[in-house]
C-alpha atoms as a PDB file:
ATOM      1  CA  UNK A   1      -9.385   7.370   9.819  1.00  0.00           C
ATOM      2  CA  UNK A   2      -5.837   6.304  10.030  1.00  0.00           C
ATOM      3  CA  UNK A   3      -5.646   4.876  13.693  1.00  0.00           C
ATOM      4  CA  UNK A   4      -9.003   2.638  12.144  1.00  0.00           C
ATOM      5  CA  UNK A   5      -7.083   1.590   9.041  1.00  0.00           C
ATOM      6  CA  UNK A   6      -4.024   0.490  11.366  1.00  0.00           C
ATOM      7  CA  UNK A   7      -6.239  -1.149  13.553  1.00  0.00           C
ATOM      8  CA  UNK A   8      -8.095  -2.898  11.367  1.00  0.00           C
ATOM      9  CA  UNK A   9      -4.599  -4.462   9.439  1.00  0.00           C
ATOM     10  CA  UNK A  10      -3.492  -5.316  12.873  1.00  0.00           C
ATOM     11  CA  UNK A  11      -6.938  -7.492  13.759  1.00  0.00           C
ATOM     12  CA  UNK A  12      -6.054  -8.634   9.840  1.00  0.00           C
ATOM     13  CA  UNK A  13      -2.685  -9.720  10.618  1.00  0.00           C
ATOM     14  CA  UNK A  14      -3.564 -11.332  14.063  1.00  0.00           C
ATOM     15  CA  UNK A  15      -6.044 -13.314  12.555  1.00  0.00           C
ATOM     16  CA  UNK A  16      -3.683 -14.881  10.143  1.00  0.00           C
ATOM     17  CA  UNK A  17      -6.092 -13.941   6.761  1.00  0.00           C
ATOM     18  CA  UNK A  18      -3.764 -11.528   5.255  1.00  0.00           C
ATOM     19  CA  UNK A  19      -3.174 -13.544   2.249  1.00  0.00           C
ATOM     20  CA  UNK A  20       0.438 -14.500   3.047  1.00  0.00           C
ATOM     21  CA  UNK A  21       1.760 -16.614   0.083  1.00  0.00           C
ATOM     22  CA  UNK A  22       5.493 -18.002   0.179  1.00  0.00           C
ATOM     23  CA  UNK A  23       7.924 -17.974  -2.566  1.00  0.00           C
ATOM     24  CA  UNK A  24      11.364 -19.298  -2.023  1.00  0.00           C
ATOM     25  CA  UNK A  25      14.044 -16.359  -2.117  1.00  0.00           C
ATOM     26  CA  UNK A  26      17.251 -17.288  -4.329  1.00  0.00           C
ATOM     27  CA  UNK A  27      19.885 -19.179  -2.924  1.00  0.00           C
ATOM     28  CA  UNK A  28      18.324 -19.733   0.165  1.00  0.00           C
ATOM     29  CA  UNK A  29      15.977 -22.524  -0.237  1.00  0.00           C
ATOM     30  CA  UNK A  30      13.957 -21.222   2.974  1.00  0.00           C
ATOM     31  CA  UNK A  31      10.488 -20.210   1.527  1.00  0.00           C
ATOM     32  CA  UNK A  32       9.806 -16.454   2.774  1.00  0.00           C
ATOM     33  CA  UNK A  33       6.422 -15.297   3.924  1.00  0.00           C
ATOM     34  CA  UNK A  34       5.333 -11.804   2.335  1.00  0.00           C
ATOM     35  CA  UNK A  35       2.714 -10.009   3.905  1.00  0.00           C
ATOM     36  CA  UNK A  36       0.291  -7.178   2.446  1.00  0.00           C
ATOM     37  CA  UNK A  37       2.391  -4.332   3.359  1.00  0.00           C
ATOM     38  CA  UNK A  38       5.615  -6.050   1.213  1.00  0.00           C
ATOM     39  CA  UNK A  39       3.710  -6.563  -1.063  1.00  0.00           C
ATOM     40  CA  UNK A  40       1.863  -3.118  -1.258  1.00  0.00           C
ATOM     41  CA  UNK A  41       5.047  -1.400  -1.131  1.00  0.00           C
ATOM     42  CA  UNK A  42       6.939  -3.545  -3.987  1.00  0.00           C
ATOM     43  CA  UNK A  43       4.015  -3.139  -6.370  1.00  0.00           C
ATOM     44  CA  UNK A  44       3.831   0.596  -5.987  1.00  0.00           C
ATOM     45  CA  UNK A  45       7.733   1.114  -5.771  1.00  0.00           C
ATOM     46  CA  UNK A  46       7.781  -1.794  -8.875  1.00  0.00           C
ATOM     47  CA  UNK A  47       4.593   0.713 -10.584  1.00  0.00           C
ATOM     48  CA  UNK A  48       6.533   3.927 -10.171  1.00  0.00           C
ATOM     49  CA  UNK A  49       9.714   2.499 -11.657  1.00  0.00           C
ATOM     50  CA  UNK A  50       7.880   0.935 -14.503  1.00  0.00           C
ATOM     51  CA  UNK A  51       9.137  -2.563 -13.555  1.00  0.00           C
ATOM     52  CA  UNK A  52       6.590  -5.435 -15.553  1.00  0.00           C
ATOM     53  CA  UNK A  53       8.342  -7.832 -13.772  1.00  0.00           C
ATOM     54  CA  UNK A  54       8.729  -6.760 -10.340  1.00  0.00           C
ATOM     55  CA  UNK A  55       4.903  -5.958 -10.327  1.00  0.00           C
ATOM     56  CA  UNK A  56       4.177  -9.024 -11.486  1.00  0.00           C
ATOM     57  CA  UNK A  57       6.366 -10.839  -8.645  1.00  0.00           C
ATOM     58  CA  UNK A  58       4.882  -8.568  -5.750  1.00  0.00           C
ATOM     59  CA  UNK A  59       1.208  -9.424  -7.143  1.00  0.00           C
ATOM     60  CA  UNK A  60       1.680 -13.166  -6.683  1.00  0.00           C
ATOM     61  CA  UNK A  61       2.706 -12.771  -3.127  1.00  0.00           C
ATOM     62  CA  UNK A  62      -0.681 -12.063  -1.652  1.00  0.00           C
ATOM     63  CA  UNK A  63      -4.135 -11.994  -2.766  1.00  0.00           C
ATOM     64  CA  UNK A  64      -5.922  -9.854  -5.167  1.00  0.00           C
ATOM     65  CA  UNK A  65      -7.750  -8.321  -1.993  1.00  0.00           C
ATOM     66  CA  UNK A  66      -4.651  -7.965   0.553  1.00  0.00           C
ATOM     67  CA  UNK A  67      -2.878  -6.174  -2.182  1.00  0.00           C
ATOM     68  CA  UNK A  68      -5.745  -3.801  -2.902  1.00  0.00           C
ATOM     69  CA  UNK A  69      -5.885  -3.126   0.927  1.00  0.00           C
ATOM     70  CA  UNK A  70      -1.929  -2.570   1.280  1.00  0.00           C
ATOM     71  CA  UNK A  71      -1.926  -0.344  -1.970  1.00  0.00           C
ATOM     72  CA  UNK A  72      -5.006   1.993   0.142  1.00  0.00           C
ATOM     73  CA  UNK A  73      -2.846   1.642   3.048  1.00  0.00           C
ATOM     74  CA  UNK A  74      -0.128   2.842   1.510  1.00  0.00           C
ATOM     75  CA  UNK A  75      -1.763   5.864  -0.466  1.00  0.00           C
ATOM     76  CA  UNK A  76      -3.792   6.997   3.161  1.00  0.00           C
ATOM     77  CA  UNK A  77      -0.149   6.865   4.788  1.00  0.00           C
ATOM     78  CA  UNK A  78       1.639   8.978   1.485  1.00  0.00           C
ATOM     79  CA  UNK A  79      -1.281  11.374   1.592  1.00  0.00           C
ATOM     80  CA  UNK A  80      -1.296  12.175   5.060  1.00  0.00           C
ATOM     81  CA  UNK A  81       2.565  12.393   4.752  1.00  0.00           C
ATOM     82  CA  UNK A  82       2.607  15.017   2.092  1.00  0.00           C
ATOM     83  CA  UNK A  83      -0.097  17.165   3.864  1.00  0.00           C
ATOM     84  CA  UNK A  84       1.569  17.284   7.084  1.00  0.00           C
ATOM     85  CA  UNK A  85       4.700  18.070   5.043  1.00  0.00           C
ATOM     86  CA  UNK A  86       3.164  21.171   2.596  1.00  0.00           C
ATOM     87  CA  UNK A  87       0.436  22.008   5.244  1.00  0.00           C
ATOM     88  CA  UNK A  88      -2.303  21.385   3.614  1.00  0.00           C
ATOM     89  CA  UNK A  89      -5.075  19.179   3.818  1.00  0.00           C
ATOM     90  CA  UNK A  90      -5.275  15.137   2.354  1.00  0.00           C
ATOM     91  CA  UNK A  91      -8.048  16.223   0.187  1.00  0.00           C
ATOM     92  CA  UNK A  92      -5.966  19.358  -1.369  1.00  0.00           C
ATOM     93  CA  UNK A  93      -2.748  16.680  -1.284  1.00  0.00           C
ATOM     94  CA  UNK A  94      -4.748  13.981  -3.170  1.00  0.00           C
ATOM     95  CA  UNK A  95      -6.542  16.181  -5.855  1.00  0.00           C
ATOM     96  CA  UNK A  96      -3.070  17.954  -6.734  1.00  0.00           C
ATOM     97  CA  UNK A  97      -1.324  14.017  -6.883  1.00  0.00           C
ATOM     98  CA  UNK A  98      -3.608  13.190  -9.271  1.00  0.00           C
ATOM     99  CA  UNK A  99      -4.049  16.250 -11.521  1.00  0.00           C
ATOM    100  CA  UNK A 100      -7.760  17.453 -10.293  1.00  0.00           C
ATOM    101  CA  UNK A 101      -8.552  20.875  -9.778  1.00  0.00           C
ATOM    102  CA  UNK A 102      -8.846  22.166  -6.443  1.00  0.00           C
ATOM    103  CA  UNK A 103     -12.502  21.298  -4.367  1.00  0.00           C
ATOM    104  CA  UNK A 104     -14.235  23.612  -2.555  1.00  0.00           C
ATOM    105  CA  UNK A 105     -13.189  22.788   0.917  1.00  0.00           C
ATOM    106  CA  UNK A 106     -16.511  22.298   3.088  1.00  0.00           C
ATOM    107  CA  UNK A 107     -16.899  25.433   5.858  1.00  0.00           C
END
């Protein structure tokens, strides 16, 4: 699944349809291009820190669809990394992070 998602992201970025929007960093006068991964990383970290200003800013960097895709990709990668670290299945890690009871693994 991870390889398919990565390949899809690469195709999307190569097509130029990743929803990039530009903003001007303070003091530079040059527009800065943000991709969906910049936006997702900033958005998720801002949510974790309860920083509404950064949430709003990151939300404007890319289209809502691109942001949703980036957040989903970040979630998948985080769950995979934690599962490897904990030597657990991604399913059990995801359920644990959301406070859900453990599901019975399929035989």
